[in-house]
Amino acid sequence: MLKAAVFDWAGTVIDHGSQAPMGVFVKAFKTFGVEITIAEARGPMGMAKRDHIKTLMSQPRIAAAWEAAQGAAPDDAAIDRVYEVFVPMNVEAVTDFCTMIEGAVPAVNRMRARGLKIGSTTGYTRSIMARVLPLAKAQGYEPDNLVCAGDLAEGRPSALMMYRTFLDLGVWPAHTVVKVDDTGVGIAEGLNAGCWTVAVAVSGNAFGLNPSETAALSPAEYAEMKAKAYSDLRRTGAHYVIDSVADIDWVLDEIEGRLSRGERP
């Protein structure tokens, strides 16, 4: 009964830990004499990058630091200045973080074998994705569509990118589509569109570590971080939370069962 699965990119199918943008946000703000932390940079993850910068600048500590460094409170022009620095930095950095998450490609192949179409939405711009797409394709991942931040009047958490995906894939109604994401705004995107939503915890932004960093954790550290990631993502309203896309098969089976009983998201 399911017709499509729509995936986010960084932290969901590529870039385990969603690490590509983090250092770039820190560097971009530092260009203007403003120090931000990785934790602060992670907060609005999943948004279009200009919206992400706007959200960071609205935080009192960062706004005060900007005013101290630049002599005026942050405004739209300030957001544009940081964004203009950020995008080319991110375009250059992203190619170092394009490894497919372990198990993602086989999981997507199994979905195609079930008859599902594969859609994708992202907070990345077209210029960034121009670098990402060929690297993902070389590793066996090529979704049926791509909707980027900036393509439509609004990005996440609105449903507009999902609506465009429905049109691109020719799928409806919304309850036959699963949205898979690692961020709260990405889950909200799916919920606002009327889809089933699946949050990935360990591979994504909520956990925030790459595979080698994750392997270096003690069992107690790993358990604590995983529990927090699951808790944070459950609070977003996600219907299901799993470690990574590699674990999604049982979720699809369960959703199929719920649909057969007349349940809806």
C-alpha atoms as a PDB file:
ATOM      1  CA  MET A   1       0.000   0.000   0.000  1.00  0.00           C
ATOM      2  CA  LEU A   2       3.000   2.312   0.361  1.00  0.00           C
ATOM      3  CA  LYS A   3       4.026   4.091  -2.831  1.00  0.00           C
ATOM      4  CA  ALA A   4       7.131   6.097  -1.974  1.00  0.00           C
ATOM      5  CA  ALA A   5       9.806   6.882   0.579  1.00  0.00           C
ATOM      6  CA  VAL A   6      11.278  10.383   0.668  1.00  0.00           C
ATOM      7  CA  PHE A   7      14.722  10.824   2.171  1.00  0.00           C
ATOM      8  CA  ASP A   8      16.697  13.716   3.511  1.00  0.00           C
ATOM      9  CA  TRP A   9      20.387  13.697   2.549  1.00  0.00           C
ATOM     10  CA  ALA A  10      23.052  14.579   5.148  1.00  0.00           C
ATOM     11  CA  GLY A  11      22.716  12.417   8.254  1.00  0.00           C
ATOM     12  CA  THR A  12      20.065  10.246   6.611  1.00  0.00           C
ATOM     13  CA  VAL A  13      21.632   8.642   3.527  1.00  0.00           C
ATOM     14  CA  ILE A  14      25.069  10.331   3.357  1.00  0.00           C
ATOM     15  CA  ASP A  15      27.485  11.920   5.846  1.00  0.00           C
ATOM     16  CA  HIS A  16      27.102   9.793   8.988  1.00  0.00           C
ATOM     17  CA  GLY A  17      26.738  12.266  11.842  1.00  0.00           C
ATOM     18  CA  SER A  18      25.721  15.119   9.522  1.00  0.00           C
ATOM     19  CA  GLN A  19      29.093  16.765   9.945  1.00  0.00           C
ATOM     20  CA  ALA A  20      29.621  18.639   6.665  1.00  0.00           C
ATOM     21  CA  PRO A  21      27.804  21.892   7.528  1.00  0.00           C
ATOM     22  CA  MET A  22      28.871  22.177  11.162  1.00  0.00           C
ATOM     23  CA  GLY A  23      32.442  23.327  10.771  1.00  0.00           C
ATOM     24  CA  VAL A  24      31.410  25.626   7.927  1.00  0.00           C
ATOM     25  CA  PHE A  25      28.848  27.447  10.068  1.00  0.00           C
ATOM     26  CA  VAL A  26      31.520  27.970  12.726  1.00  0.00           C
ATOM     27  CA  LYS A  27      34.036  29.223  10.134  1.00  0.00           C
ATOM     28  CA  ALA A  28      31.521  31.485   8.414  1.00  0.00           C
ATOM     29  CA  PHE A  29      30.588  33.266  11.631  1.00  0.00           C
ATOM     30  CA  LYS A  30      34.231  33.474  12.675  1.00  0.00           C
ATOM     31  CA  THR A  31      34.912  35.399   9.450  1.00  0.00           C
ATOM     32  CA  PHE A  32      32.842  38.187  11.034  1.00  0.00           C
ATOM     33  CA  GLY A  33      34.492  37.920  14.447  1.00  0.00           C
ATOM     34  CA  VAL A  34      31.703  35.862  16.012  1.00  0.00           C
ATOM     35  CA  GLU A  35      32.422  32.577  17.780  1.00  0.00           C
ATOM     36  CA  ILE A  36      29.697  29.929  17.763  1.00  0.00           C
ATOM     37  CA  THR A  37      29.887  26.364  19.005  1.00  0.00           C
ATOM     38  CA  ILE A  38      29.215  23.144  17.128  1.00  0.00           C
ATOM     39  CA  ALA A  39      26.260  22.524  19.470  1.00  0.00           C
ATOM     40  CA  GLU A  40      24.797  25.928  18.593  1.00  0.00           C
ATOM     41  CA  ALA A  41      25.364  25.290  14.889  1.00  0.00           C
ATOM     42  CA  ARG A  42      23.526  21.952  15.099  1.00  0.00           C
ATOM     43  CA  GLY A  43      20.373  23.420  16.672  1.00  0.00           C
ATOM     44  CA  PRO A  44      18.471  24.464  13.493  1.00  0.00           C
ATOM     45  CA  MET A  45      19.802  21.609  11.313  1.00  0.00           C
ATOM     46  CA  GLY A  46      17.518  20.606   8.476  1.00  0.00           C
ATOM     47  CA  MET A  47      16.417  24.131   7.618  1.00  0.00           C
ATOM     48  CA  ALA A  48      17.368  25.897   4.424  1.00  0.00           C
ATOM     49  CA  LYS A  49      20.794  27.336   5.109  1.00  0.00           C
ATOM     50  CA  ARG A  50      19.760  31.003   5.035  1.00  0.00           C
ATOM     51  CA  ASP A  51      16.932  30.201   7.457  1.00  0.00           C
ATOM     52  CA  HIS A  52      19.458  28.287   9.556  1.00  0.00           C
ATOM     53  CA  ILE A  53      21.707  31.351   9.756  1.00  0.00           C
ATOM     54  CA  LYS A  54      18.713  33.584  10.553  1.00  0.00           C
ATOM     55  CA  THR A  55      17.715  31.248  13.403  1.00  0.00           C
ATOM     56  CA  LEU A  56      21.252  31.264  14.801  1.00  0.00           C
ATOM     57  CA  MET A  57      21.373  35.057  14.663  1.00  0.00           C
ATOM     58  CA  SER A  58      18.076  35.280  16.563  1.00  0.00           C
ATOM     59  CA  GLN A  59      19.636  33.549  19.571  1.00  0.00           C
ATOM     60  CA  PRO A  60      20.407  36.174  22.231  1.00  0.00           C
ATOM     61  CA  ARG A  61      24.008  35.111  22.849  1.00  0.00           C
ATOM     62  CA  ILE A  62      24.919  35.033  19.163  1.00  0.00           C
ATOM     63  CA  ALA A  63      23.035  38.270  18.473  1.00  0.00           C
ATOM     64  CA  ALA A  64      24.955  39.997  21.277  1.00  0.00           C
ATOM     65  CA  ALA A  65      28.258  38.617  19.990  1.00  0.00           C
ATOM     66  CA  TRP A  66      27.432  39.868  16.493  1.00  0.00           C
ATOM     67  CA  GLU A  67      26.589  43.348  17.767  1.00  0.00           C
ATOM     68  CA  ALA A  68      29.806  43.455  19.782  1.00  0.00           C
ATOM     69  CA  ALA A  69      31.874  42.407  16.756  1.00  0.00           C
ATOM     70  CA  GLN A  70      30.050  44.332  14.033  1.00  0.00           C
ATOM     71  CA  GLY A  71      28.748  47.368  15.882  1.00  0.00           C
ATOM     72  CA  ALA A  72      25.084  46.781  15.077  1.00  0.00           C
ATOM     73  CA  ALA A  73      22.396  44.222  15.806  1.00  0.00           C
ATOM     74  CA  PRO A  74      22.021  41.483  13.161  1.00  0.00           C
ATOM     75  CA  ASP A  75      19.489  42.259  10.443  1.00  0.00           C
ATOM     76  CA  ASP A  76      18.559  40.812   7.044  1.00  0.00           C
ATOM     77  CA  ALA A  77      21.636  42.338   5.457  1.00  0.00           C
ATOM     78  CA  ALA A  78      23.814  40.660   8.078  1.00  0.00           C
ATOM     79  CA  ILE A  79      22.130  37.314   7.421  1.00  0.00           C
ATOM     80  CA  ASP A  80      22.822  37.740   3.705  1.00  0.00           C
ATOM     81  CA  ARG A  81      26.482  38.550   4.368  1.00  0.00           C
ATOM     82  CA  VAL A  82      27.010  35.358   6.375  1.00  0.00           C
ATOM     83  CA  TYR A  83      25.034  33.309   3.835  1.00  0.00           C
ATOM     84  CA  GLU A  84      27.162  34.621   0.967  1.00  0.00           C
ATOM     85  CA  VAL A  85      30.269  33.449   2.801  1.00  0.00           C
ATOM     86  CA  PHE A  86      28.732  30.159   3.943  1.00  0.00           C
ATOM     87  CA  VAL A  87      27.529  28.745   0.609  1.00  0.00           C
ATOM     88  CA  PRO A  88      30.864  28.625  -1.264  1.00  0.00           C
ATOM     89  CA  MET A  89      32.534  27.270   1.874  1.00  0.00           C
ATOM     90  CA  ASN A  90      29.930  24.509   2.101  1.00  0.00           C
ATOM     91  CA  VAL A  91      30.246  23.707  -1.618  1.00  0.00           C
ATOM     92  CA  GLU A  92      33.967  23.141  -1.115  1.00  0.00           C
ATOM     93  CA  ALA A  93      33.622  21.191   2.140  1.00  0.00           C
ATOM     94  CA  VAL A  94      30.727  18.912   1.233  1.00  0.00           C
ATOM     95  CA  THR A  95      32.728  16.599  -1.038  1.00  0.00           C
ATOM     96  CA  ASP A  96      34.706  15.418   1.988  1.00  0.00           C
ATOM     97  CA  PHE A  97      31.488  14.192   3.637  1.00  0.00           C
ATOM     98  CA  CYS A  98      29.691  12.322   0.856  1.00  0.00           C
ATOM     99  CA  THR A  99      30.212   8.733   1.952  1.00  0.00           C
ATOM    100  CA  MET A 100      26.927   6.823   1.937  1.00  0.00           C
ATOM    101  CA  ILE A 101      25.784   5.737   5.377  1.00  0.00           C
ATOM    102  CA  GLU A 102      26.415   2.038   5.919  1.00  0.00           C
ATOM    103  CA  GLY A 103      23.437  -0.036   4.807  1.00  0.00           C
ATOM    104  CA  ALA A 104      21.611   2.863   3.132  1.00  0.00           C
ATOM    105  CA  VAL A 105      22.053   1.722  -0.474  1.00  0.00           C
ATOM    106  CA  PRO A 106      20.945  -1.889   0.194  1.00  0.00           C
ATOM    107  CA  ALA A 107      17.957  -0.572   2.163  1.00  0.00           C
ATOM    108  CA  VAL A 108      16.920   1.697  -0.727  1.00  0.00           C
ATOM    109  CA  ASN A 109      17.346  -1.187  -3.176  1.00  0.00           C
ATOM    110  CA  ARG A 110      15.051  -3.330  -1.017  1.00  0.00           C
ATOM    111  CA  MET A 111      12.467  -0.523  -1.055  1.00  0.00           C
ATOM    112  CA  ARG A 112      12.601  -0.351  -4.832  1.00  0.00           C
ATOM    113  CA  ALA A 113      12.073  -4.111  -4.905  1.00  0.00           C
ATOM    114  CA  ARG A 114       8.904  -3.532  -2.858  1.00  0.00           C
ATOM    115  CA  GLY A 115       7.698  -1.163  -5.589  1.00  0.00           C
ATOM    116  CA  LEU A 116       8.412   2.102  -3.788  1.00  0.00           C
ATOM    117  CA  LYS A 117       9.575   5.223  -5.598  1.00  0.00           C
ATOM    118  CA  ILE A 118      12.449   7.088  -3.946  1.00  0.00           C
ATOM    119  CA  GLY A 119      12.191  10.829  -3.423  1.00  0.00           C
ATOM    120  CA  SER A 120      14.538  13.308  -1.789  1.00  0.00           C
ATOM    121  CA  THR A 121      14.381  16.733  -0.170  1.00  0.00           C
ATOM    122  CA  THR A 122      17.244  18.676   1.393  1.00  0.00           C
ATOM    123  CA  GLY A 123      18.200  21.852   3.163  1.00  0.00           C
ATOM    124  CA  TYR A 124      21.172  22.060   0.794  1.00  0.00           C
ATOM    125  CA  THR A 125      21.107  24.412  -2.193  1.00  0.00           C
ATOM    126  CA  ARG A 126      21.344  23.307  -5.833  1.00  0.00           C
ATOM    127  CA  SER A 127      24.975  24.445  -5.980  1.00  0.00           C
ATOM    128  CA  ILE A 128      25.878  22.205  -3.051  1.00  0.00           C
ATOM    129  CA  MET A 129      23.900  19.256  -4.407  1.00  0.00           C
ATOM    130  CA  ALA A 130      25.659  19.581  -7.780  1.00  0.00           C
ATOM    131  CA  ARG A 131      28.741  18.297  -5.943  1.00  0.00           C
ATOM    132  CA  VAL A 132      26.868  15.651  -3.960  1.00  0.00           C
ATOM    133  CA  LEU A 133      24.759  13.964  -6.661  1.00  0.00           C
ATOM    134  CA  PRO A 134      27.556  12.428  -8.782  1.00  0.00           C
ATOM    135  CA  LEU A 135      29.378  11.182  -5.675  1.00  0.00           C
ATOM    136  CA  ALA A 136      26.208   9.523  -4.389  1.00  0.00           C
ATOM    137  CA  LYS A 137      25.473   8.025  -7.807  1.00  0.00           C
ATOM    138  CA  ALA A 138      28.966   6.509  -7.935  1.00  0.00           C
ATOM    139  CA  GLN A 139      28.135   4.708  -4.672  1.00  0.00           C
ATOM    140  CA  GLY A 140      24.836   3.361  -5.999  1.00  0.00           C
ATOM    141  CA  TYR A 141      22.328   5.962  -4.816  1.00  0.00           C
ATOM    142  CA  GLU A 142      20.237   7.905  -7.323  1.00  0.00           C
ATOM    143  CA  PRO A 143      16.788   8.989  -6.105  1.00  0.00           C
ATOM    144  CA  ASP A 144      13.930   9.629  -8.489  1.00  0.00           C
ATOM    145  CA  ASN A 145      13.753  13.340  -7.725  1.00  0.00           C
ATOM    146  CA  LEU A 146      15.477  16.127  -5.814  1.00  0.00           C
ATOM    147  CA  VAL A 147      13.928  19.209  -4.198  1.00  0.00           C
ATOM    148  CA  CYS A 148      16.381  21.695  -2.701  1.00  0.00           C
ATOM    149  CA  ALA A 149      16.207  24.627  -0.330  1.00  0.00           C
ATOM    150  CA  GLY A 150      15.406  27.676  -2.407  1.00  0.00           C
ATOM    151  CA  ASP A 151      13.417  25.797  -5.048  1.00  0.00           C
ATOM    152  CA  LEU A 152      10.097  26.911  -3.548  1.00  0.00           C
ATOM    153  CA  ALA A 153       8.646  29.860  -1.649  1.00  0.00           C
ATOM    154  CA  GLU A 154       9.206  28.115   1.691  1.00  0.00           C
ATOM    155  CA  GLY A 155      11.381  25.279   2.893  1.00  0.00           C
ATOM    156  CA  ARG A 156      11.147  23.148   6.009  1.00  0.00           C
ATOM    157  CA  PRO A 157       9.182  22.831   8.214  1.00  0.00           C
ATOM    158  CA  SER A 158       6.555  23.674   5.590  1.00  0.00           C
ATOM    159  CA  ALA A 159       5.221  20.857   3.428  1.00  0.00           C
ATOM    160  CA  LEU A 160       5.980  22.528   0.106  1.00  0.00           C
ATOM    161  CA  MET A 161       9.046  20.439  -0.783  1.00  0.00           C
ATOM    162  CA  MET A 162       7.036  17.307  -0.041  1.00  0.00           C
ATOM    163  CA  TYR A 163       4.179  18.533  -2.229  1.00  0.00           C
ATOM    164  CA  ARG A 164       6.632  19.090  -5.080  1.00  0.00           C
ATOM    165  CA  THR A 165       7.945  15.564  -4.514  1.00  0.00           C
ATOM    166  CA  PHE A 166       4.426  14.117  -4.748  1.00  0.00           C
ATOM    167  CA  LEU A 167       4.077  15.845  -8.123  1.00  0.00           C
ATOM    168  CA  ASP A 168       7.519  14.742  -9.334  1.00  0.00           C
ATOM    169  CA  LEU A 169       6.883  11.109  -8.409  1.00  0.00           C
ATOM    170  CA  GLY A 170       3.194  11.042  -9.297  1.00  0.00           C
ATOM    171  CA  VAL A 171       2.218   9.641  -5.905  1.00  0.00           C
ATOM    172  CA  TRP A 172      -0.814  10.281  -3.707  1.00  0.00           C
ATOM    173  CA  PRO A 173      -2.452  10.308  -1.199  1.00  0.00           C
ATOM    174  CA  ALA A 174       0.066  11.531   1.392  1.00  0.00           C
ATOM    175  CA  HIS A 175      -0.541   8.598   3.739  1.00  0.00           C
ATOM    176  CA  THR A 176       1.044   6.259   1.171  1.00  0.00           C
ATOM    177  CA  VAL A 177       4.367   8.107   1.544  1.00  0.00           C
ATOM    178  CA  VAL A 178       7.042   7.737   4.239  1.00  0.00           C
ATOM    179  CA  LYS A 179       9.336  10.671   5.096  1.00  0.00           C
ATOM    180  CA  VAL A 180      12.739   9.714   6.555  1.00  0.00           C
ATOM    181  CA  ASP A 181      14.898  12.394   8.197  1.00  0.00           C
ATOM    182  CA  ASP A 182      17.396  13.028  10.992  1.00  0.00           C
ATOM    183  CA  THR A 183      16.166  16.466  12.120  1.00  0.00           C
ATOM    184  CA  GLY A 184      13.118  17.900  13.827  1.00  0.00           C
ATOM    185  CA  VAL A 185      12.283  20.287  10.988  1.00  0.00           C
ATOM    186  CA  GLY A 186      12.608  17.432   8.503  1.00  0.00           C
ATOM    187  CA  ILE A 187      10.179  15.329  10.507  1.00  0.00           C
ATOM    188  CA  ALA A 188       7.849  18.347  10.727  1.00  0.00           C
ATOM    189  CA  GLU A 189       8.047  18.611   6.938  1.00  0.00           C
ATOM    190  CA  GLY A 190       6.684  15.079   6.654  1.00  0.00           C
ATOM    191  CA  LEU A 191       4.053  15.532   9.363  1.00  0.00           C
ATOM    192  CA  ASN A 192       2.798  18.771   7.803  1.00  0.00           C
ATOM    193  CA  ALA A 193       2.454  16.968   4.478  1.00  0.00           C
ATOM    194  CA  GLY A 194       0.375  14.181   6.062  1.00  0.00           C
ATOM    195  CA  CYS A 195       2.999  11.436   5.701  1.00  0.00           C
ATOM    196  CA  TRP A 196       4.280   8.697   7.940  1.00  0.00           C
ATOM    197  CA  THR A 197       7.562   9.871   9.474  1.00  0.00           C
ATOM    198  CA  VAL A 198      10.681   7.926  10.459  1.00  0.00           C
ATOM    199  CA  ALA A 199      13.528   9.603  12.330  1.00  0.00           C
ATOM    200  CA  VAL A 200      17.072   8.225  12.165  1.00  0.00           C
ATOM    201  CA  ALA A 201      18.926   8.765  15.419  1.00  0.00           C
ATOM    202  CA  VAL A 202      22.434   7.309  15.487  1.00  0.00           C
ATOM    203  CA  SER A 203      23.397   8.131  11.891  1.00  0.00           C
ATOM    204  CA  GLY A 204      22.260  11.730  12.053  1.00  0.00           C
ATOM    205  CA  ASN A 205      22.388  15.155  13.605  1.00  0.00           C
ATOM    206  CA  ALA A 206      20.922  14.127  16.956  1.00  0.00           C
ATOM    207  CA  PHE A 207      23.898  11.830  17.658  1.00  0.00           C
ATOM    208  CA  GLY A 208      26.380  13.871  15.657  1.00  0.00           C
ATOM    209  CA  LEU A 209      29.386  11.527  15.454  1.00  0.00           C
ATOM    210  CA  ASN A 210      30.950   9.780  12.474  1.00  0.00           C
ATOM    211  CA  PRO A 211      31.485   5.990  12.548  1.00  0.00           C
ATOM    212  CA  SER A 212      35.034   6.114  13.942  1.00  0.00           C
ATOM    213  CA  GLU A 213      34.026   8.589  16.660  1.00  0.00           C
ATOM    214  CA  THR A 214      31.042   6.409  17.505  1.00  0.00           C
ATOM    215  CA  ALA A 215      33.233   3.283  17.707  1.00  0.00           C
ATOM    216  CA  ALA A 216      35.543   5.068  20.158  1.00  0.00           C
ATOM    217  CA  LEU A 217      32.745   5.566  22.698  1.00  0.00           C
ATOM    218  CA  SER A 218      32.488   3.336  25.743  1.00  0.00           C
ATOM    219  CA  PRO A 219      29.331   1.214  25.936  1.00  0.00           C
ATOM    220  CA  ALA A 220      27.967   3.515  28.639  1.00  0.00           C
ATOM    221  CA  GLU A 221      28.683   6.663  26.596  1.00  0.00           C
ATOM    222  CA  TYR A 222      27.095   5.144  23.521  1.00  0.00           C
ATOM    223  CA  ALA A 223      23.975   4.083  25.420  1.00  0.00           C
ATOM    224  CA  GLU A 224      23.597   7.530  26.992  1.00  0.00           C
ATOM    225  CA  MET A 225      23.992   9.392  23.687  1.00  0.00           C
ATOM    226  CA  LYS A 226      21.664   7.005  21.863  1.00  0.00           C
ATOM    227  CA  ALA A 227      18.972   7.345  24.529  1.00  0.00           C
ATOM    228  CA  LYS A 228      19.156  11.142  24.300  1.00  0.00           C
ATOM    229  CA  ALA A 229      19.000  11.091  20.492  1.00  0.00           C
ATOM    230  CA  TYR A 230      15.943   8.810  20.576  1.00  0.00           C
ATOM    231  CA  SER A 231      14.275  10.975  23.216  1.00  0.00           C
ATOM    232  CA  ASP A 232      14.931  14.192  21.277  1.00  0.00           C
ATOM    233  CA  LEU A 233      13.553  12.742  18.037  1.00  0.00           C
ATOM    234  CA  ARG A 234      10.487  11.224  19.694  1.00  0.00           C
ATOM    235  CA  ARG A 235       9.634  14.725  20.905  1.00  0.00           C
ATOM    236  CA  THR A 236       9.508  15.890  17.283  1.00  0.00           C
ATOM    237  CA  GLY A 237       6.412  13.741  16.795  1.00  0.00           C
ATOM    238  CA  ALA A 238       8.072  11.135  14.559  1.00  0.00           C
ATOM    239  CA  HIS A 239       5.940   8.011  14.196  1.00  0.00           C
ATOM    240  CA  TYR A 240       9.043   5.814  14.433  1.00  0.00           C
ATOM    241  CA  VAL A 241      12.669   6.262  15.507  1.00  0.00           C
ATOM    242  CA  ILE A 242      15.412   3.901  14.322  1.00  0.00           C
ATOM    243  CA  ASP A 243      19.220   3.891  14.419  1.00  0.00           C
ATOM    244  CA  SER A 244      19.674   4.356  10.671  1.00  0.00           C
ATOM    245  CA  VAL A 245      18.051   3.780   7.291  1.00  0.00           C
ATOM    246  CA  ALA A 246      19.556   0.293   7.312  1.00  0.00           C
ATOM    247  CA  ASP A 247      16.967  -0.665   9.968  1.00  0.00           C
ATOM    248  CA  ILE A 248      13.860   0.552   8.142  1.00  0.00           C
ATOM    249  CA  ASP A 249      12.379  -2.706   6.787  1.00  0.00           C
ATOM    250  CA  TRP A 250      10.387  -3.625   9.894  1.00  0.00           C
ATOM    251  CA  VAL A 251       8.968  -0.093  10.013  1.00  0.00           C
ATOM    252  CA  LEU A 252       7.682  -0.362   6.442  1.00  0.00           C
ATOM    253  CA  ASP A 253       6.116  -3.733   7.274  1.00  0.00           C
ATOM    254  CA  GLU A 254       4.390  -2.209  10.308  1.00  0.00           C
ATOM    255  CA  ILE A 255       3.110   0.802   8.373  1.00  0.00           C
ATOM    256  CA  GLU A 256       1.757  -1.500   5.662  1.00  0.00           C
ATOM    257  CA  GLY A 257      -0.101  -3.409   8.357  1.00  0.00           C
ATOM    258  CA  ARG A 258      -1.518  -0.229   9.839  1.00  0.00           C
ATOM    259  CA  LEU A 259      -2.657   0.980   6.421  1.00  0.00           C
ATOM    260  CA  SER A 260      -4.377  -2.335   5.768  1.00  0.00           C
ATOM    261  CA  ARG A 261      -6.357  -1.788   8.971  1.00  0.00           C
ATOM    262  CA  GLY A 262      -7.432   1.658   7.802  1.00  0.00           C
ATOM    263  CA  GLU A 263      -5.055   3.610  10.031  1.00  0.00           C
ATOM    264  CA  ARG A 264      -3.628   6.934   8.890  1.00  0.00           C
ATOM    265  CA  PRO A 265      -0.711   9.067  10.119  1.00  0.00           C
END
